[in-house]
């Protein structure tokens, strides 16, 4: 089983060291969105939202809750808890 964590790939191109960051957060959110997996979002104030991720960017997550859209700022989010595990791998 591969471990999933944030890491940096380093490779040499044209005499320069190139860094490619694997963004685990984006991969995780995108997989939840693509597979339509219901997720519980825990906010820092203790409030919980349960719905489906419809989109996200660097600062926000668009969540559909009971047929209504809610735009949540990432700085207000503590945890994403999907209803089931998702499977994705990072290259090592």
N, C-alpha and C. Protein backbone atom coordinates (compact mmCIF):
# COMPACT_ATOMS: atom_id res chain seq x y z
N UNK A 1 0.85 -1.17 0.00
CA UNK A 1 0.00 0.00 0.00
C UNK A 1 0.90 1.24 0.00
N UNK A 2 0.59 2.17 -0.87
CA UNK A 2 1.38 3.39 -0.93
C UNK A 2 0.90 4.38 0.11
N UNK A 3 1.83 5.09 0.70
CA UNK A 3 1.47 6.16 1.62
C UNK A 3 1.21 7.42 0.83
N UNK A 4 0.22 8.16 1.27
CA UNK A 4 -0.13 9.41 0.59
C UNK A 4 0.29 10.57 1.49
N UNK A 5 1.13 11.42 0.99
CA UNK A 5 1.56 12.59 1.73
C UNK A 5 2.07 13.63 0.74
N UNK A 6 2.23 14.83 1.22
CA UNK A 6 2.71 15.91 0.36
C UNK A 6 4.23 15.80 0.24
N UNK A 7 4.74 15.76 -0.96
CA UNK A 7 6.17 15.65 -1.15
C UNK A 7 6.57 16.40 -2.41
N UNK A 8 7.87 16.54 -2.60
CA UNK A 8 8.39 17.27 -3.75
C UNK A 8 9.20 16.32 -4.61
N UNK A 9 8.89 16.29 -5.90
CA UNK A 9 9.69 15.53 -6.85
C UNK A 9 10.79 16.44 -7.36
N UNK A 10 11.99 15.91 -7.38
CA UNK A 10 13.11 16.71 -7.88
C UNK A 10 13.72 16.01 -9.09
N UNK A 11 13.92 16.75 -10.13
CA UNK A 11 14.57 16.18 -11.30
C UNK A 11 15.42 17.26 -11.95
N UNK A 12 16.45 16.81 -12.63
CA UNK A 12 17.38 17.74 -13.23
C UNK A 12 17.06 17.89 -14.71
N UNK A 13 16.86 19.11 -15.14
CA UNK A 13 16.60 19.40 -16.55
C UNK A 13 17.47 20.58 -16.97
N UNK A 14 18.26 20.35 -17.97
CA UNK A 14 19.09 21.43 -18.49
C UNK A 14 20.02 22.01 -17.44
N UNK A 15 20.52 21.18 -16.53
CA UNK A 15 21.44 21.65 -15.51
C UNK A 15 20.78 22.32 -14.32
N UNK A 16 19.44 22.45 -14.34
CA UNK A 16 18.73 23.08 -13.23
C UNK A 16 17.90 22.05 -12.49
N UNK A 17 17.78 22.23 -11.20
CA UNK A 17 16.96 21.35 -10.37
C UNK A 17 15.52 21.86 -10.42
N UNK A 18 14.60 21.02 -10.88
CA UNK A 18 13.20 21.40 -11.01
C UNK A 18 12.41 20.79 -9.85
N UNK A 19 11.47 21.55 -9.29
CA UNK A 19 10.62 21.06 -8.21
C UNK A 19 9.18 21.00 -8.71
N UNK A 20 8.54 19.86 -8.52
CA UNK A 20 7.13 19.69 -8.87
C UNK A 20 6.40 19.26 -7.61
N UNK A 21 5.53 20.10 -7.10
CA UNK A 21 4.80 19.78 -5.88
C UNK A 21 3.52 19.03 -6.23
N UNK A 22 3.30 17.91 -5.54
CA UNK A 22 2.05 17.16 -5.68
C UNK A 22 1.08 17.76 -4.67
N UNK A 23 -0.06 18.26 -5.13
CA UNK A 23 -1.02 18.90 -4.25
C UNK A 23 -2.09 17.88 -3.83
N UNK A 24 -1.91 17.31 -2.65
CA UNK A 24 -2.81 16.28 -2.14
C UNK A 24 -4.22 16.85 -1.93
N UNK A 25 -4.31 18.07 -1.44
CA UNK A 25 -5.62 18.68 -1.18
C UNK A 25 -6.45 18.75 -2.46
N UNK A 26 -5.86 19.24 -3.54
CA UNK A 26 -6.58 19.35 -4.80
C UNK A 26 -6.98 17.98 -5.34
N UNK A 27 -6.08 17.01 -5.24
CA UNK A 27 -6.40 15.65 -5.71
C UNK A 27 -7.57 15.07 -4.92
N UNK A 28 -7.54 15.26 -3.61
CA UNK A 28 -8.58 14.73 -2.72
C UNK A 28 -9.93 15.37 -3.05
N UNK A 29 -9.98 16.69 -3.11
CA UNK A 29 -11.23 17.39 -3.39
C UNK A 29 -11.75 17.07 -4.78
N UNK A 30 -10.86 16.97 -5.76
CA UNK A 30 -11.28 16.67 -7.12
C UNK A 30 -11.86 15.26 -7.22
N UNK A 31 -11.27 14.31 -6.51
CA UNK A 31 -11.80 12.94 -6.53
C UNK A 31 -13.18 12.88 -5.88
N UNK A 32 -13.36 13.60 -4.78
CA UNK A 32 -14.68 13.67 -4.15
C UNK A 32 -15.71 14.27 -5.10
N UNK A 33 -15.31 15.30 -5.82
CA UNK A 33 -16.20 15.96 -6.78
C UNK A 33 -16.55 15.03 -7.94
N UNK A 34 -15.53 14.41 -8.55
CA UNK A 34 -15.75 13.56 -9.72
C UNK A 34 -16.60 12.34 -9.40
N UNK A 35 -16.37 11.72 -8.23
CA UNK A 35 -17.10 10.50 -7.87
C UNK A 35 -18.44 10.79 -7.21
N UNK A 36 -18.72 12.07 -6.94
CA UNK A 36 -19.99 12.44 -6.33
C UNK A 36 -20.18 11.84 -4.95
N UNK A 37 -19.11 11.81 -4.18
CA UNK A 37 -19.15 11.23 -2.84
C UNK A 37 -19.64 12.28 -1.85
N UNK A 38 -20.62 11.91 -1.04
CA UNK A 38 -21.12 12.83 -0.02
C UNK A 38 -20.03 13.03 1.03
N UNK A 39 -19.91 14.27 1.50
CA UNK A 39 -18.85 14.62 2.44
C UNK A 39 -19.44 15.47 3.57
N UNK A 40 -18.94 15.25 4.77
CA UNK A 40 -19.27 16.12 5.89
C UNK A 40 -18.11 17.09 6.05
N UNK A 41 -18.42 18.38 6.06
CA UNK A 41 -17.41 19.43 6.22
C UNK A 41 -17.55 19.98 7.63
N UNK A 42 -16.49 19.87 8.41
CA UNK A 42 -16.47 20.41 9.77
C UNK A 42 -15.81 21.78 9.72
N UNK A 43 -16.52 22.78 10.21
CA UNK A 43 -15.98 24.13 10.25
C UNK A 43 -15.28 24.38 11.58
N UNK A 44 -14.43 25.39 11.61
CA UNK A 44 -13.68 25.71 12.83
C UNK A 44 -14.58 26.09 14.00
N UNK A 45 -15.76 26.64 13.69
CA UNK A 45 -16.68 27.03 14.77
C UNK A 45 -17.52 25.87 15.28
N UNK A 46 -17.25 24.64 14.77
CA UNK A 46 -17.96 23.46 15.23
C UNK A 46 -19.15 23.08 14.37
N UNK A 47 -19.58 23.95 13.49
CA UNK A 47 -20.72 23.68 12.63
C UNK A 47 -20.36 22.60 11.61
N UNK A 48 -21.33 21.77 11.23
CA UNK A 48 -21.11 20.72 10.24
C UNK A 48 -22.05 20.90 9.06
N UNK A 49 -21.53 20.69 7.86
CA UNK A 49 -22.32 20.72 6.64
C UNK A 49 -22.14 19.39 5.93
N UNK A 50 -23.23 18.81 5.44
CA UNK A 50 -23.14 17.55 4.70
C UNK A 50 -23.69 17.78 3.31
N UNK A 51 -22.85 17.47 2.31
CA UNK A 51 -23.29 17.68 0.94
C UNK A 51 -22.28 17.14 -0.05
N UNK A 52 -22.32 17.71 -1.25
CA UNK A 52 -21.49 17.26 -2.36
C UNK A 52 -20.64 18.42 -2.87
N UNK A 53 -19.37 18.16 -3.10
CA UNK A 53 -18.47 19.19 -3.62
C UNK A 53 -18.75 19.37 -5.11
N UNK A 54 -19.05 20.60 -5.49
CA UNK A 54 -19.34 20.94 -6.88
C UNK A 54 -18.18 21.65 -7.54
N UNK A 55 -17.29 22.24 -6.74
CA UNK A 55 -16.13 22.93 -7.28
C UNK A 55 -15.29 23.49 -6.15
N UNK A 56 -14.08 23.92 -6.50
CA UNK A 56 -13.18 24.50 -5.50
C UNK A 56 -12.08 25.28 -6.22
N UNK A 57 -11.48 26.20 -5.49
CA UNK A 57 -10.30 26.91 -5.99
C UNK A 57 -9.33 27.05 -4.82
N UNK A 58 -8.39 27.96 -4.93
CA UNK A 58 -7.39 28.11 -3.87
C UNK A 58 -7.97 28.58 -2.55
N UNK A 59 -9.12 29.25 -2.58
CA UNK A 59 -9.63 29.88 -1.37
C UNK A 59 -11.00 29.38 -0.92
N UNK A 60 -11.76 28.76 -1.82
CA UNK A 60 -13.14 28.40 -1.50
C UNK A 60 -13.49 26.98 -1.95
N UNK A 61 -14.58 26.46 -1.37
CA UNK A 61 -15.16 25.18 -1.79
C UNK A 61 -16.65 25.43 -2.01
N UNK A 62 -17.16 25.02 -3.17
CA UNK A 62 -18.58 25.13 -3.46
C UNK A 62 -19.23 23.80 -3.10
N UNK A 63 -20.14 23.85 -2.12
CA UNK A 63 -20.79 22.65 -1.60
C UNK A 63 -22.28 22.73 -1.88
N UNK A 64 -22.86 21.63 -2.38
CA UNK A 64 -24.31 21.56 -2.57
C UNK A 64 -24.90 20.83 -1.37
N UNK A 65 -25.75 21.54 -0.62
CA UNK A 65 -26.37 21.01 0.59
C UNK A 65 -27.88 21.06 0.42
N UNK A 66 -28.52 19.92 0.40
CA UNK A 66 -29.98 19.82 0.24
C UNK A 66 -30.48 20.64 -0.94
N UNK A 67 -29.78 20.52 -2.07
CA UNK A 67 -30.18 21.20 -3.29
C UNK A 67 -29.80 22.66 -3.39
N UNK A 68 -29.16 23.21 -2.36
CA UNK A 68 -28.74 24.61 -2.37
C UNK A 68 -27.22 24.69 -2.34
N UNK A 69 -26.68 25.69 -3.03
CA UNK A 69 -25.24 25.86 -3.08
C UNK A 69 -24.76 26.76 -1.94
N UNK A 70 -23.64 26.37 -1.35
CA UNK A 70 -23.00 27.19 -0.32
C UNK A 70 -21.53 27.33 -0.66
N UNK A 71 -21.04 28.55 -0.68
CA UNK A 71 -19.64 28.82 -0.93
C UNK A 71 -18.95 28.97 0.42
N UNK A 72 -18.00 28.10 0.70
CA UNK A 72 -17.34 28.09 2.00
C UNK A 72 -15.87 28.48 1.81
N UNK A 73 -15.40 29.40 2.63
CA UNK A 73 -13.99 29.77 2.57
C UNK A 73 -13.15 28.70 3.26
N UNK A 74 -12.06 28.30 2.60
CA UNK A 74 -11.22 27.22 3.13
C UNK A 74 -10.64 27.55 4.50
N UNK A 75 -10.38 28.83 4.78
CA UNK A 75 -9.80 29.16 6.08
C UNK A 75 -10.77 28.90 7.23
N UNK A 76 -12.06 28.67 6.91
CA UNK A 76 -13.06 28.37 7.94
C UNK A 76 -13.26 26.86 8.13
N UNK A 77 -12.59 26.05 7.30
CA UNK A 77 -12.78 24.59 7.33
C UNK A 77 -11.72 23.92 8.19
N UNK A 78 -12.18 22.99 9.01
CA UNK A 78 -11.28 22.17 9.81
C UNK A 78 -10.99 20.84 9.11
N UNK A 79 -12.06 20.12 8.70
CA UNK A 79 -11.91 18.74 8.24
C UNK A 79 -12.94 18.41 7.16
N UNK A 80 -12.53 17.57 6.21
CA UNK A 80 -13.44 16.93 5.26
C UNK A 80 -13.54 15.46 5.64
N UNK A 81 -14.75 14.96 5.82
CA UNK A 81 -14.96 13.55 6.16
C UNK A 81 -15.88 12.91 5.12
N UNK A 82 -15.31 12.22 4.12
CA UNK A 82 -16.16 11.59 3.11
C UNK A 82 -16.91 10.40 3.69
N UNK A 83 -18.07 10.08 3.09
CA UNK A 83 -18.89 8.96 3.57
C UNK A 83 -18.22 7.61 3.33
N UNK A 84 -17.28 7.58 2.39
CA UNK A 84 -16.49 6.36 2.15
C UNK A 84 -15.10 6.78 1.72
N UNK A 85 -14.17 5.85 1.84
CA UNK A 85 -12.79 6.13 1.44
C UNK A 85 -12.71 6.33 -0.06
N UNK A 86 -11.78 7.18 -0.46
CA UNK A 86 -11.51 7.34 -1.88
C UNK A 86 -10.15 6.73 -2.16
N UNK A 87 -9.96 6.34 -3.40
CA UNK A 87 -8.70 5.70 -3.77
C UNK A 87 -8.00 6.55 -4.82
N UNK A 88 -6.83 7.03 -4.46
CA UNK A 88 -5.98 7.69 -5.43
C UNK A 88 -4.55 7.49 -5.00
N UNK A 89 -3.66 7.50 -5.98
CA UNK A 89 -2.25 7.26 -5.70
C UNK A 89 -1.44 8.43 -6.20
N UNK A 90 -0.33 8.64 -5.52
CA UNK A 90 0.62 9.65 -5.98
C UNK A 90 1.83 8.91 -6.51
N UNK A 91 2.43 9.45 -7.54
CA UNK A 91 3.62 8.82 -8.10
C UNK A 91 4.81 9.12 -7.22
N UNK A 92 5.68 8.12 -7.07
CA UNK A 92 6.88 8.33 -6.25
C UNK A 92 8.11 8.15 -7.08
